[in-house]
């Protein structure tokens, strides 16, 4: 088999981590409002996407 020394980009893990964090926070707000649950999930996803972009930009340099 061909083994290469390719570094895996772990920045995509930030997207999943942000989404899971948003869901976790959203479950606390679910008791009060469903919109707060959806909002915290979307905020978590957005933060994960922003962190992924920052990490990939740092790795390119």
N, C-alpha and C. Protein backbone atom coordinates (compact mmCIF):
# COMPACT_ATOMS: atom_id res chain seq x y z
N UNK A 1 0.83 -1.18 0.00
CA UNK A 1 0.00 0.00 0.00
C UNK A 1 0.87 1.24 0.00
N UNK A 2 0.31 2.29 -0.52
CA UNK A 2 1.02 3.56 -0.61
C UNK A 2 0.71 4.40 0.62
N UNK A 3 1.72 4.60 1.45
CA UNK A 3 1.54 5.42 2.65
C UNK A 3 2.17 6.78 2.42
N UNK A 4 1.36 7.81 2.56
CA UNK A 4 1.88 9.16 2.40
C UNK A 4 1.87 9.86 3.74
N UNK A 5 2.68 10.88 3.85
CA UNK A 5 2.74 11.67 5.08
C UNK A 5 1.80 12.86 4.97
N UNK A 6 0.58 12.59 4.68
CA UNK A 6 -0.42 13.64 4.54
C UNK A 6 -0.99 13.99 5.91
N UNK A 7 -0.89 15.25 6.26
CA UNK A 7 -1.47 15.70 7.53
C UNK A 7 -2.97 15.87 7.35
N UNK A 8 -3.71 15.26 8.23
CA UNK A 8 -5.16 15.39 8.16
C UNK A 8 -5.58 16.74 8.74
N UNK A 9 -6.54 17.34 8.09
CA UNK A 9 -7.04 18.64 8.52
C UNK A 9 -8.13 18.42 9.55
N UNK A 10 -7.85 18.74 10.80
CA UNK A 10 -8.80 18.54 11.89
C UNK A 10 -9.71 19.75 12.09
N UNK A 11 -9.63 20.72 11.19
CA UNK A 11 -10.45 21.91 11.36
C UNK A 11 -11.93 21.61 11.16
N UNK A 12 -12.24 20.54 10.44
CA UNK A 12 -13.64 20.20 10.24
C UNK A 12 -14.28 19.70 11.53
N UNK A 13 -13.47 19.27 12.47
CA UNK A 13 -14.00 18.85 13.77
C UNK A 13 -14.61 20.03 14.51
N UNK A 14 -14.16 21.23 14.21
CA UNK A 14 -14.69 22.41 14.88
C UNK A 14 -16.16 22.63 14.51
N UNK A 15 -16.53 22.24 13.30
CA UNK A 15 -17.93 22.40 12.88
C UNK A 15 -18.83 21.49 13.71
N UNK A 16 -18.43 20.24 13.82
CA UNK A 16 -19.21 19.29 14.62
C UNK A 16 -19.23 19.66 16.09
N UNK A 17 -18.08 20.11 16.59
CA UNK A 17 -18.01 20.52 17.99
C UNK A 17 -18.88 21.71 18.29
N UNK A 18 -18.90 22.68 17.39
CA UNK A 18 -19.75 23.85 17.57
C UNK A 18 -21.22 23.49 17.52
N UNK A 19 -21.56 22.57 16.63
CA UNK A 19 -22.96 22.15 16.52
C UNK A 19 -23.40 21.39 17.77
N UNK A 20 -22.57 20.50 18.26
CA UNK A 20 -22.91 19.75 19.47
C UNK A 20 -23.00 20.69 20.68
N UNK A 21 -22.11 21.67 20.76
CA UNK A 21 -22.18 22.64 21.85
C UNK A 21 -23.46 23.47 21.76
N UNK A 22 -23.82 23.88 20.55
CA UNK A 22 -25.06 24.63 20.37
C UNK A 22 -26.29 23.81 20.76
N UNK A 23 -26.28 22.53 20.43
CA UNK A 23 -27.39 21.67 20.83
C UNK A 23 -27.45 21.52 22.34
N UNK A 24 -26.29 21.35 22.96
CA UNK A 24 -26.25 21.20 24.42
C UNK A 24 -26.77 22.43 25.13
N UNK A 25 -26.37 23.59 24.67
CA UNK A 25 -26.86 24.83 25.27
C UNK A 25 -28.34 25.01 24.95
N UNK A 26 -28.73 24.62 23.75
CA UNK A 26 -30.12 24.76 23.34
C UNK A 26 -31.08 23.94 24.16
N UNK A 27 -30.62 22.78 24.66
CA UNK A 27 -31.51 21.96 25.47
C UNK A 27 -31.88 22.64 26.79
N UNK A 28 -31.02 23.52 27.29
CA UNK A 28 -31.37 24.28 28.49
C UNK A 28 -32.44 25.33 28.19
N UNK A 29 -32.41 25.88 26.97
CA UNK A 29 -33.38 26.90 26.59
C UNK A 29 -34.66 26.30 26.03
N UNK A 30 -34.68 25.01 25.74
CA UNK A 30 -35.85 24.38 25.14
C UNK A 30 -37.07 24.46 26.05
N UNK A 31 -36.82 24.50 27.34
CA UNK A 31 -37.92 24.59 28.30
C UNK A 31 -38.65 25.92 28.17
N UNK A 32 -37.93 26.96 27.75
CA UNK A 32 -38.51 28.30 27.70
C UNK A 32 -39.00 28.67 26.30
N UNK A 33 -38.23 28.32 25.28
CA UNK A 33 -38.60 28.74 23.94
C UNK A 33 -37.94 27.82 22.90
N UNK A 34 -38.72 27.41 21.91
CA UNK A 34 -38.15 26.60 20.84
C UNK A 34 -37.27 27.44 19.92
N UNK A 35 -37.59 28.72 19.82
CA UNK A 35 -36.76 29.60 18.99
C UNK A 35 -35.37 29.78 19.58
N UNK A 36 -35.27 29.81 20.89
CA UNK A 36 -33.96 29.90 21.54
C UNK A 36 -33.16 28.63 21.29
N UNK A 37 -33.82 27.49 21.26
CA UNK A 37 -33.16 26.22 20.95
C UNK A 37 -32.60 26.24 19.54
N UNK A 38 -33.42 26.64 18.58
CA UNK A 38 -32.97 26.70 17.19
C UNK A 38 -31.88 27.75 17.02
N UNK A 39 -32.04 28.88 17.68
CA UNK A 39 -31.03 29.94 17.60
C UNK A 39 -29.69 29.52 18.15
N UNK A 40 -29.68 28.84 19.29
CA UNK A 40 -28.40 28.42 19.86
C UNK A 40 -27.75 27.34 19.01
N UNK A 41 -28.55 26.50 18.36
CA UNK A 41 -28.00 25.50 17.45
C UNK A 41 -27.34 26.17 16.25
N UNK A 42 -28.01 27.17 15.69
CA UNK A 42 -27.44 27.88 14.54
C UNK A 42 -26.21 28.69 14.93
N UNK A 43 -26.22 29.28 16.12
CA UNK A 43 -25.05 30.02 16.60
C UNK A 43 -23.87 29.07 16.77
N UNK A 44 -24.12 27.89 17.33
CA UNK A 44 -23.06 26.90 17.48
C UNK A 44 -22.49 26.46 16.15
N UNK A 45 -23.36 26.26 15.16
CA UNK A 45 -22.91 25.89 13.83
C UNK A 45 -22.10 27.01 13.19
N UNK A 46 -22.57 28.23 13.34
CA UNK A 46 -21.84 29.37 12.77
C UNK A 46 -20.47 29.56 13.41
N UNK A 47 -20.40 29.41 14.73
CA UNK A 47 -19.09 29.52 15.39
C UNK A 47 -18.16 28.41 14.97
N UNK A 48 -18.70 27.20 14.81
CA UNK A 48 -17.87 26.08 14.35
C UNK A 48 -17.33 26.33 12.95
N UNK A 49 -18.15 26.89 12.08
CA UNK A 49 -17.69 27.21 10.73
C UNK A 49 -16.61 28.29 10.74
N UNK A 50 -16.80 29.30 11.58
CA UNK A 50 -15.80 30.37 11.66
C UNK A 50 -14.47 29.84 12.21
N UNK A 51 -14.53 29.00 13.23
CA UNK A 51 -13.31 28.42 13.80
C UNK A 51 -12.62 27.53 12.78
N UNK A 52 -13.39 26.77 11.99
CA UNK A 52 -12.80 25.91 10.97
C UNK A 52 -12.05 26.72 9.92
N UNK A 53 -12.61 27.85 9.53
CA UNK A 53 -11.94 28.72 8.55
C UNK A 53 -10.66 29.28 9.13
N UNK A 54 -10.70 29.71 10.38
CA UNK A 54 -9.51 30.27 11.01
C UNK A 54 -8.42 29.22 11.13
N UNK A 55 -8.77 28.01 11.54
CA UNK A 55 -7.78 26.95 11.68
C UNK A 55 -7.17 26.59 10.34
N UNK A 56 -8.00 26.50 9.29
CA UNK A 56 -7.45 26.15 7.98
C UNK A 56 -6.57 27.25 7.42
N UNK A 57 -6.87 28.52 7.71
CA UNK A 57 -6.02 29.63 7.26
C UNK A 57 -4.68 29.60 7.99
N UNK A 58 -4.70 29.28 9.26
CA UNK A 58 -3.45 29.21 10.04
C UNK A 58 -2.58 28.07 9.53
N UNK A 59 -3.18 26.93 9.21
CA UNK A 59 -2.42 25.78 8.73
C UNK A 59 -1.82 26.01 7.37
N UNK A 60 -2.47 26.85 6.54
CA UNK A 60 -1.94 27.13 5.21
C UNK A 60 -0.68 27.97 5.28
N UNK A 61 -0.57 28.81 6.29
CA UNK A 61 0.60 29.69 6.41
C UNK A 61 1.70 29.01 7.13
